[in-house]
Every structure is written in structure tokens, then in C-alpha cells.
Amino acid sequence: MKVSVRLFAAARELAAREWVTLEISPGTTVRELKERLADTLPQLAPLLPKLLVAINGAYADLQTTVPENAEIACFPPVSGG
């Protein structure tokens, strides 16, 4: 299945794009999604260990399965005050 992933902040800057479309298998986990991102956009590799993934507006852990037609967003953790 195809999924579109929206990139934010440093992830978008490193990828030089806001969206990436990936082909994934049903049952793909967030961990596997991040691996596909690294394969497709190797420049994101330094961010991947800490890259946050939200699916349908909620943070997802590495074991979360990516559902069909999901809204996926990826962004590095932010800090500030």
C-alpha cells in the first residue's frame, strides 16, 4: 500500500521536501516505516533514532502498525521555553 508522510522542521529541511510517498506492506510498523524512510531519503538517517511519528494525529511508538489511509507526520523533537 502507498502512504504519504509529511515531514516537518529539520526533517523537511534535510529531505528538501515536505512530502514523501512510500510503498509499504500491510502490517508495517513504525520501526519499519522509519527504515523505509532511511532507504528512500538517506539524508534523514541521523534524525531517525529520535524522529517522532504521529499517525492520525496521535504519537505512535515503534511497534505501532501503520493503518491503511493513515495520516502520517514525522518531525524531530523540539525544545524551547
Foldseek 3Di string as FASTA:
>chain_A
DKDKEAEDDVRCVQQVHGIDIDDDDFFQFQLNVLVRCCVVRVSCVVQSVQKWKDWQRHTDDRNHTHDPPIHIYIYGDDDDD
